[in-house]
Amino acid sequence: MENYKRILGQNLRKAREALQLSQEELAHEIDIDRTYISGIERGVRNPSLDVIAKIAQRLKTTPAALLTRPAQSRRSESA
């Protein structure tokens, strides 16, 4: 089974950094605690669908994209 918390965390961090947002800025803009963003990125938090949707909207992506394993990871595991 996929580790979706880890996949979400990696995708969140990549999308956040691409927009040059700090964890604190993102958290403030979507009205959640910065430590919660950190926990999601580390794969130790299990956010609700509502939180995932808020994050995706701010990061200009979709919840599905945040939960999809990057193509690079799929290739390396199938080799």
PDB file of N, CA and C in Angstrom:
ATOM      1  N   MET A   1       0.842  -1.190   0.000  1.00  0.00           N
ATOM      2  CA  MET A   1       0.000   0.000   0.000  1.00  0.00           C
ATOM      3  C   MET A   1       0.884   1.248   0.000  1.00  0.00           C
ATOM      4  N   GLU A   2       0.449   2.240  -0.735  1.00  0.00           N
ATOM      5  CA  GLU A   2       1.185   3.505  -0.830  1.00  0.00           C
ATOM      6  C   GLU A   2       1.235   4.204   0.528  1.00  0.00           C
ATOM      7  N   ASN A   3       2.321   4.903   0.785  1.00  0.00           N
ATOM      8  CA  ASN A   3       2.419   5.740   1.979  1.00  0.00           C
ATOM      9  C   ASN A   3       1.994   7.154   1.568  1.00  0.00           C
ATOM     10  N   TYR A   4       0.687   7.395   1.602  1.00  0.00           N
ATOM     11  CA  TYR A   4       0.155   8.662   1.104  1.00  0.00           C
ATOM     12  C   TYR A   4       0.546   9.851   1.967  1.00  0.00           C
ATOM     13  N   LYS A   5       0.778   9.648   3.245  1.00  0.00           N
ATOM     14  CA  LYS A   5       1.230  10.767   4.081  1.00  0.00           C
ATOM     15  C   LYS A   5       2.605  11.238   3.625  1.00  0.00           C
ATOM     16  N   ARG A   6       3.480  10.304   3.278  1.00  0.00           N
ATOM     17  CA  ARG A   6       4.817  10.670   2.803  1.00  0.00           C
ATOM     18  C   ARG A   6       4.747  11.331   1.431  1.00  0.00           C
ATOM     19  N   ILE A   7       3.931  10.760   0.538  1.00  0.00           N
ATOM     20  CA  ILE A   7       3.766  11.326  -0.804  1.00  0.00           C
ATOM     21  C   ILE A   7       3.209  12.743  -0.706  1.00  0.00           C
ATOM     22  N   LEU A   8       2.174  12.930   0.112  1.00  0.00           N
ATOM     23  CA  LEU A   8       1.584  14.260   0.313  1.00  0.00           C
ATOM     24  C   LEU A   8       2.631  15.233   0.825  1.00  0.00           C
ATOM     25  N   GLY A   9       3.399  14.809   1.809  1.00  0.00           N
ATOM     26  CA  GLY A   9       4.418  15.690   2.386  1.00  0.00           C
ATOM     27  C   GLY A   9       5.462  16.121   1.380  1.00  0.00           C
ATOM     28  N   GLN A  10       5.934  15.175   0.576  1.00  0.00           N
ATOM     29  CA  GLN A  10       6.944  15.508  -0.428  1.00  0.00           C
ATOM     30  C   GLN A  10       6.383  16.450  -1.486  1.00  0.00           C
ATOM     31  N   ASN A  11       5.175  16.168  -1.941  1.00  0.00           N
ATOM     32  CA  ASN A  11       4.561  17.014  -2.974  1.00  0.00           C
ATOM     33  C   ASN A  11       4.231  18.401  -2.435  1.00  0.00           C
ATOM     34  N   LEU A  12       3.766  18.462  -1.201  1.00  0.00           N
ATOM     35  CA  LEU A  12       3.461  19.757  -0.584  1.00  0.00           C
ATOM     36  C   LEU A  12       4.729  20.602  -0.521  1.00  0.00           C
ATOM     37  N   ARG A  13       5.806  20.022   0.002  1.00  0.00           N
ATOM     38  CA  ARG A  13       7.062  20.771   0.130  1.00  0.00           C
ATOM     39  C   ARG A  13       7.544  21.269  -1.234  1.00  0.00           C
ATOM     40  N   LYS A  14       7.515  20.398  -2.237  1.00  0.00           N
ATOM     41  CA  LYS A  14       7.981  20.783  -3.569  1.00  0.00           C
ATOM     42  C   LYS A  14       7.144  21.930  -4.135  1.00  0.00           C
ATOM     43  N   ALA A  15       5.820  21.834  -4.025  1.00  0.00           N
ATOM     44  CA  ALA A  15       4.933  22.884  -4.546  1.00  0.00           C
ATOM     45  C   ALA A  15       5.100  24.189  -3.769  1.00  0.00           C
ATOM     46  N   ARG A  16       5.246  24.082  -2.452  1.00  0.00           N
ATOM     47  CA  ARG A  16       5.424  25.279  -1.611  1.00  0.00           C
ATOM     48  C   ARG A  16       6.727  25.985  -1.960  1.00  0.00           C
ATOM     49  N   GLU A  17       7.781  25.219  -2.083  1.00  0.00           N
ATOM     50  CA  GLU A  17       9.081  25.811  -2.408  1.00  0.00           C
ATOM     51  C   GLU A  17       9.100  26.395  -3.817  1.00  0.00           C
ATOM     52  N   ALA A  18       8.379  25.779  -4.747  1.00  0.00           N
ATOM     53  CA  ALA A  18       8.307  26.309  -6.112  1.00  0.00           C
ATOM     54  C   ALA A  18       7.673  27.694  -6.131  1.00  0.00           C
ATOM     55  N   LEU A  19       6.762  27.949  -5.189  1.00  0.00           N
ATOM     56  CA  LEU A  19       6.127  29.272  -5.080  1.00  0.00           C
ATOM     57  C   LEU A  19       6.877  30.184  -4.115  1.00  0.00           C
ATOM     58  N   GLN A  20       8.009  29.705  -3.617  1.00  0.00           N
ATOM     59  CA  GLN A  20       8.856  30.450  -2.682  1.00  0.00           C
ATOM     60  C   GLN A  20       8.084  30.901  -1.447  1.00  0.00           C
ATOM     61  N   LEU A  21       7.290  29.973  -0.907  1.00  0.00           N
ATOM     62  CA  LEU A  21       6.544  30.236   0.322  1.00  0.00           C
ATOM     63  C   LEU A  21       7.211  29.497   1.474  1.00  0.00           C
ATOM     64  N   SER A  22       7.313  30.152   2.608  1.00  0.00           N
ATOM     65  CA  SER A  22       7.785  29.458   3.802  1.00  0.00           C
ATOM     66  C   SER A  22       6.612  28.679   4.396  1.00  0.00           C
ATOM     67  N   GLN A  23       6.916  27.749   5.277  1.00  0.00           N
ATOM     68  CA  GLN A  23       5.850  27.036   5.982  1.00  0.00           C
ATOM     69  C   GLN A  23       4.976  28.027   6.741  1.00  0.00           C
ATOM     70  N   GLU A  24       5.602  29.005   7.347  1.00  0.00           N
ATOM     71  CA  GLU A  24       4.873  29.997   8.118  1.00  0.00           C
ATOM     72  C   GLU A  24       3.927  30.815   7.236  1.00  0.00           C
ATOM     73  N   GLU A  25       4.395  31.246   6.068  1.00  0.00           N
ATOM     74  CA  GLU A  25       3.538  32.007   5.154  1.00  0.00           C
ATOM     75  C   GLU A  25       2.345  31.187   4.691  1.00  0.00           C
ATOM     76  N   LEU A  26       2.602  29.938   4.286  1.00  0.00           N
ATOM     77  CA  LEU A  26       1.512  29.076   3.844  1.00  0.00           C
ATOM     78  C   LEU A  26       0.501  28.865   4.967  1.00  0.00           C
ATOM     79  N   ALA A  27       0.982  28.541   6.138  1.00  0.00           N
ATOM     80  CA  ALA A  27       0.094  28.295   7.274  1.00  0.00           C
ATOM     81  C   ALA A  27      -0.760  29.524   7.581  1.00  0.00           C
ATOM     82  N   HIS A  28      -0.137  30.684   7.581  1.00  0.00           N
ATOM     83  CA  HIS A  28      -0.868  31.923   7.865  1.00  0.00           C
ATOM     84  C   HIS A  28      -1.966  32.158   6.824  1.00  0.00           C
ATOM     85  N   GLU A  29      -1.634  31.952   5.557  1.00  0.00           N
ATOM     86  CA  GLU A  29      -2.588  32.217   4.475  1.00  0.00           C
ATOM     87  C   GLU A  29      -3.790  31.275   4.482  1.00  0.00           C
ATOM     88  N   ILE A  30      -3.600  30.048   4.974  1.00  0.00           N
ATOM     89  CA  ILE A  30      -4.738  29.116   5.002  1.00  0.00           C
ATOM     90  C   ILE A  30      -5.267  28.900   6.421  1.00  0.00           C
ATOM     91  N   ASP A  31      -4.757  29.699   7.356  1.00  0.00           N
ATOM     92  CA  ASP A  31      -5.262  29.741   8.733  1.00  0.00           C
ATOM     93  C   ASP A  31      -5.112  28.415   9.484  1.00  0.00           C
ATOM     94  N   ILE A  32      -3.893  27.846   9.397  1.00  0.00           N
ATOM     95  CA  ILE A  32      -3.557  26.706  10.247  1.00  0.00           C
ATOM     96  C   ILE A  32      -2.186  26.962  10.861  1.00  0.00           C
ATOM     97  N   ASP A  33      -1.808  26.166  11.839  1.00  0.00           N
ATOM     98  CA  ASP A  33      -0.546  26.364  12.538  1.00  0.00           C
ATOM     99  C   ASP A  33       0.642  25.915  11.687  1.00  0.00           C
ATOM    100  N   ARG A  34       1.737  26.636  11.774  1.00  0.00           N
ATOM    101  CA  ARG A  34       2.940  26.302  11.009  1.00  0.00           C
ATOM    102  C   ARG A  34       3.445  24.915  11.359  1.00  0.00           C
ATOM    103  N   THR A  35       3.351  24.531  12.617  1.00  0.00           N
ATOM    104  CA  THR A  35       3.841  23.214  13.006  1.00  0.00           C
ATOM    105  C   THR A  35       3.011  22.099  12.357  1.00  0.00           C
ATOM    106  N   TYR A  36       1.760  22.400  12.022  1.00  0.00           N
ATOM    107  CA  TYR A  36       0.922  21.417  11.340  1.00  0.00           C
ATOM    108  C   TYR A  36       1.424  21.198   9.911  1.00  0.00           C
ATOM    109  N   ILE A  37       1.802  22.287   9.238  1.00  0.00           N
ATOM    110  CA  ILE A  37       2.392  22.175   7.888  1.00  0.00           C
ATOM    111  C   ILE A  37       3.674  21.347   7.973  1.00  0.00           C
ATOM    112  N   SER A  38       4.500  21.627   8.956  1.00  0.00           N
ATOM    113  CA  SER A  38       5.737  20.877   9.135  1.00  0.00           C
ATOM    114  C   SER A  38       5.444  19.391   9.324  1.00  0.00           C
ATOM    115  N   GLY A  39       4.458  19.079  10.135  1.00  0.00           N
ATOM    116  CA  GLY A  39       4.091  17.686  10.374  1.00  0.00           C
ATOM    117  C   GLY A  39       3.591  16.987   9.126  1.00  0.00           C
ATOM    118  N   ILE A  40       2.830  17.708   8.309  1.00  0.00           N
ATOM    119  CA  ILE A  40       2.355  17.134   7.043  1.00  0.00           C
ATOM    120  C   ILE A  40       3.545  16.850   6.135  1.00  0.00           C
ATOM    121  N   GLU A  41       4.454  17.805   6.023  1.00  0.00           N
ATOM    122  CA  GLU A  41       5.619  17.633   5.153  1.00  0.00           C
ATOM    123  C   GLU A  41       6.509  16.483   5.619  1.00  0.00           C
ATOM    124  N   ARG A  42       6.558  16.234   6.919  1.00  0.00           N
ATOM    125  CA  ARG A  42       7.370  15.137   7.447  1.00  0.00           C
ATOM    126  C   ARG A  42       6.639  13.797   7.407  1.00  0.00           C
ATOM    127  N   GLY A  43       5.358  13.828   7.042  1.00  0.00           N
ATOM    128  CA  GLY A  43       4.589  12.592   6.945  1.00  0.00           C
ATOM    129  C   GLY A  43       4.086  12.060   8.268  1.00  0.00           C
ATOM    130  N   VAL A  44       4.050  12.914   9.291  1.00  0.00           N
ATOM    131  CA  VAL A  44       3.585  12.464  10.605  1.00  0.00           C
ATOM    132  C   VAL A  44       2.168  12.941  10.926  1.00  0.00           C
ATOM    133  N   ARG A  45       1.641  13.835  10.133  1.00  0.00           N
ATOM    134  CA  ARG A  45       0.265  14.316  10.301  1.00  0.00           C
ATOM    135  C   ARG A  45      -0.614  13.704   9.232  1.00  0.00           C
ATOM    136  N   ASN A  46      -1.882  13.538   9.559  1.00  0.00           N
ATOM    137  CA  ASN A  46      -2.854  12.969   8.644  1.00  0.00           C
ATOM    138  C   ASN A  46      -3.967  14.007   8.453  1.00  0.00           C
ATOM    139  N   PRO A  47      -3.750  14.966   7.547  1.00  0.00           N
ATOM    140  CA  PRO A  47      -4.707  16.064   7.415  1.00  0.00           C
ATOM    141  C   PRO A  47      -6.032  15.616   6.817  1.00  0.00           C
ATOM    142  N   SER A  48      -7.069  16.365   7.150  1.00  0.00           N
ATOM    143  CA  SER A  48      -8.392  16.091   6.587  1.00  0.00           C
ATOM    144  C   SER A  48      -8.413  16.484   5.111  1.00  0.00           C
ATOM    145  N   LEU A  49      -9.413  15.991   4.422  1.00  0.00           N
ATOM    146  CA  LEU A  49      -9.584  16.351   3.011  1.00  0.00           C
ATOM    147  C   LEU A  49      -9.785  17.853   2.866  1.00  0.00           C
ATOM    148  N   ASP A  50     -10.490  18.474   3.808  1.00  0.00           N
ATOM    149  CA  ASP A  50     -10.682  19.924   3.756  1.00  0.00           C
ATOM    150  C   ASP A  50      -9.348  20.664   3.817  1.00  0.00           C
ATOM    151  N   VAL A  51      -8.450  20.216   4.692  1.00  0.00           N
ATOM    152  CA  VAL A  51      -7.134  20.857   4.810  1.00  0.00           C
ATOM    153  C   VAL A  51      -6.327  20.628   3.533  1.00  0.00           C
ATOM    154  N   ILE A  52      -6.361  19.413   2.997  1.00  0.00           N
ATOM    155  CA  ILE A  52      -5.648  19.129   1.747  1.00  0.00           C
ATOM    156  C   ILE A  52      -6.173  20.024   0.632  1.00  0.00           C
ATOM    157  N   ALA A  53      -7.485  20.212   0.568  1.00  0.00           N
ATOM    158  CA  ALA A  53      -8.079  21.069  -0.461  1.00  0.00           C
ATOM    159  C   ALA A  53      -7.641  22.522  -0.294  1.00  0.00           C
ATOM    160  N   LYS A  54      -7.596  23.017   0.947  1.00  0.00           N
ATOM    161  CA  LYS A  54      -7.141  24.397   1.188  1.00  0.00           C
ATOM    162  C   LYS A  54      -5.685  24.577   0.774  1.00  0.00           C
ATOM    163  N   ILE A  55      -4.864  23.598   1.113  1.00  0.00           N
ATOM    164  CA  ILE A  55      -3.449  23.655   0.743  1.00  0.00           C
ATOM    165  C   ILE A  55      -3.311  23.646  -0.777  1.00  0.00           C
ATOM    166  N   ALA A  56      -4.011  22.733  -1.431  1.00  0.00           N
ATOM    167  CA  ALA A  56      -3.927  22.624  -2.890  1.00  0.00           C
ATOM    168  C   ALA A  56      -4.350  23.916  -3.568  1.00  0.00           C
ATOM    169  N   GLN A  57      -5.439  24.506  -3.104  1.00  0.00           N
ATOM    170  CA  GLN A  57      -5.914  25.744  -3.713  1.00  0.00           C
ATOM    171  C   GLN A  57      -4.857  26.837  -3.598  1.00  0.00           C
ATOM    172  N   ARG A  58      -4.252  26.987  -2.433  1.00  0.00           N
ATOM    173  CA  ARG A  58      -3.243  28.032  -2.246  1.00  0.00           C
ATOM    174  C   ARG A  58      -1.991  27.762  -3.073  1.00  0.00           C
ATOM    175  N   LEU A  59      -1.656  26.481  -3.234  1.00  0.00           N
ATOM    176  CA  LEU A  59      -0.458  26.124  -3.984  1.00  0.00           C
ATOM    177  C   LEU A  59      -0.720  25.990  -5.485  1.00  0.00           C
ATOM    178  N   LYS A  60      -1.943  26.358  -5.899  1.00  0.00           N
ATOM    179  CA  LYS A  60      -2.314  26.360  -7.315  1.00  0.00           C
ATOM    180  C   LYS A  60      -2.159  24.977  -7.946  1.00  0.00           C
ATOM    181  N   THR A  61      -2.655  23.986  -7.229  1.00  0.00           N
ATOM    182  CA  THR A  61      -2.632  22.613  -7.707  1.00  0.00           C
ATOM    183  C   THR A  61      -3.937  21.943  -7.280  1.00  0.00           C
ATOM    184  N   THR A  62      -3.999  20.640  -7.367  1.00  0.00           N
ATOM    185  CA  THR A  62      -5.208  19.916  -6.980  1.00  0.00           C
ATOM    186  C   THR A  62      -4.893  18.951  -5.843  1.00  0.00           C
ATOM    187  N   PRO A  63      -5.911  18.574  -5.082  1.00  0.00           N
ATOM    188  CA  PRO A  63      -5.681  17.544  -4.058  1.00  0.00           C
ATOM    189  C   PRO A  63      -5.128  16.259  -4.687  1.00  0.00           C
ATOM    190  N   ALA A  64      -5.638  15.891  -5.856  1.00  0.00           N
ATOM    191  CA  ALA A  64      -5.161  14.674  -6.527  1.00  0.00           C
ATOM    192  C   ALA A  64      -3.669  14.766  -6.832  1.00  0.00           C
ATOM    193  N   ALA A  65      -3.214  15.912  -7.293  1.00  0.00           N
ATOM    194  CA  ALA A  65      -1.796  16.083  -7.610  1.00  0.00           C
ATOM    195  C   ALA A  65      -0.937  15.960  -6.353  1.00  0.00           C
ATOM    196  N   LEU A  66      -1.436  16.476  -5.246  1.00  0.00           N
ATOM    197  CA  LEU A  66      -0.677  16.375  -3.995  1.00  0.00           C
ATOM    198  C   LEU A  66      -0.574  14.935  -3.497  1.00  0.00           C
ATOM    199  N   LEU A  67      -1.522  14.100  -3.898  1.00  0.00           N
ATOM    200  CA  LEU A  67      -1.556  12.718  -3.425  1.00  0.00           C
ATOM    201  C   LEU A  67      -1.017  11.715  -4.438  1.00  0.00           C
ATOM    202  N   THR A  68      -0.464  12.211  -5.545  1.00  0.00           N
ATOM    203  CA  THR A  68       0.057  11.343  -6.599  1.00  0.00           C
ATOM    204  C   THR A  68       1.566  11.223  -6.471  1.00  0.00           C
ATOM    205  N   ARG A  69       2.026   9.991  -6.452  1.00  0.00           N
ATOM    206  CA  ARG A  69       3.464   9.757  -6.373  1.00  0.00           C
ATOM    207  C   ARG A  69       4.138  10.356  -7.593  1.00  0.00           C
ATOM    208  N   PRO A  70       5.241  11.081  -7.409  1.00  0.00           N
ATOM    209  CA  PRO A  70       5.947  11.662  -8.557  1.00  0.00           C
ATOM    210  C   PRO A  70       6.381  10.579  -9.543  1.00  0.00           C
ATOM    211  N   ALA A  71       6.388  10.898 -10.824  1.00  0.00           N
ATOM    212  CA  ALA A  71       6.733   9.948 -11.881  1.00  0.00           C
ATOM    213  C   ALA A  71       8.117   9.360 -11.676  1.00  0.00           C
ATOM    214  N   GLN A  72       9.061  10.154 -11.209  1.00  0.00           N
ATOM    215  CA  GLN A  72      10.419   9.688 -10.986  1.00  0.00           C
ATOM    216  C   GLN A  72      10.430   8.519  -9.999  1.00  0.00           C
ATOM    217  N   SER A  73       9.639   8.609  -8.935  1.00  0.00           N
ATOM    218  CA  SER A  73       9.578   7.543  -7.932  1.00  0.00           C
ATOM    219  C   SER A  73       8.983   6.280  -8.517  1.00  0.00           C
ATOM    220  N   ARG A  74       7.976   6.419  -9.368  1.00  0.00           N
ATOM    221  CA  ARG A  74       7.343   5.240  -9.983  1.00  0.00           C
ATOM    222  C   ARG A  74       8.341   4.498 -10.856  1.00  0.00           C
ATOM    223  N   ARG A  75       9.136   5.234 -11.623  1.00  0.00           N
ATOM    224  CA  ARG A  75      10.109   4.583 -12.512  1.00  0.00           C
ATOM    225  C   ARG A  75      11.182   3.848 -11.713  1.00  0.00           C
ATOM    226  N   SER A  76      11.691   4.463 -10.660  1.00  0.00           N
ATOM    227  CA  SER A  76      12.783   3.843  -9.915  1.00  0.00           C
ATOM    228  C   SER A  76      12.311   2.596  -9.170  1.00  0.00           C
ATOM    229  N   GLU A  77      11.035   2.555  -8.759  1.00  0.00           N
ATOM    230  CA  GLU A  77      10.540   1.385  -8.055  1.00  0.00           C
ATOM    231  C   GLU A  77      10.206   0.250  -8.990  1.00  0.00           C
ATOM    232  N   SER A  78       9.899   0.544 -10.254  1.00  0.00           N
ATOM    233  CA  SER A  78       9.552  -0.513 -11.189  1.00  0.00           C
ATOM    234  C   SER A  78      10.779  -1.093 -11.885  1.00  0.00           C
ATOM    235  N   ALA A  79      11.924  -0.484 -11.690  1.00  0.00           N
ATOM    236  CA  ALA A  79      13.156  -0.954 -12.336  1.00  0.00           C
ATOM    237  C   ALA A  79      13.719  -2.176 -11.637  1.00  0.00           C
TER     238      ALA A  79
END
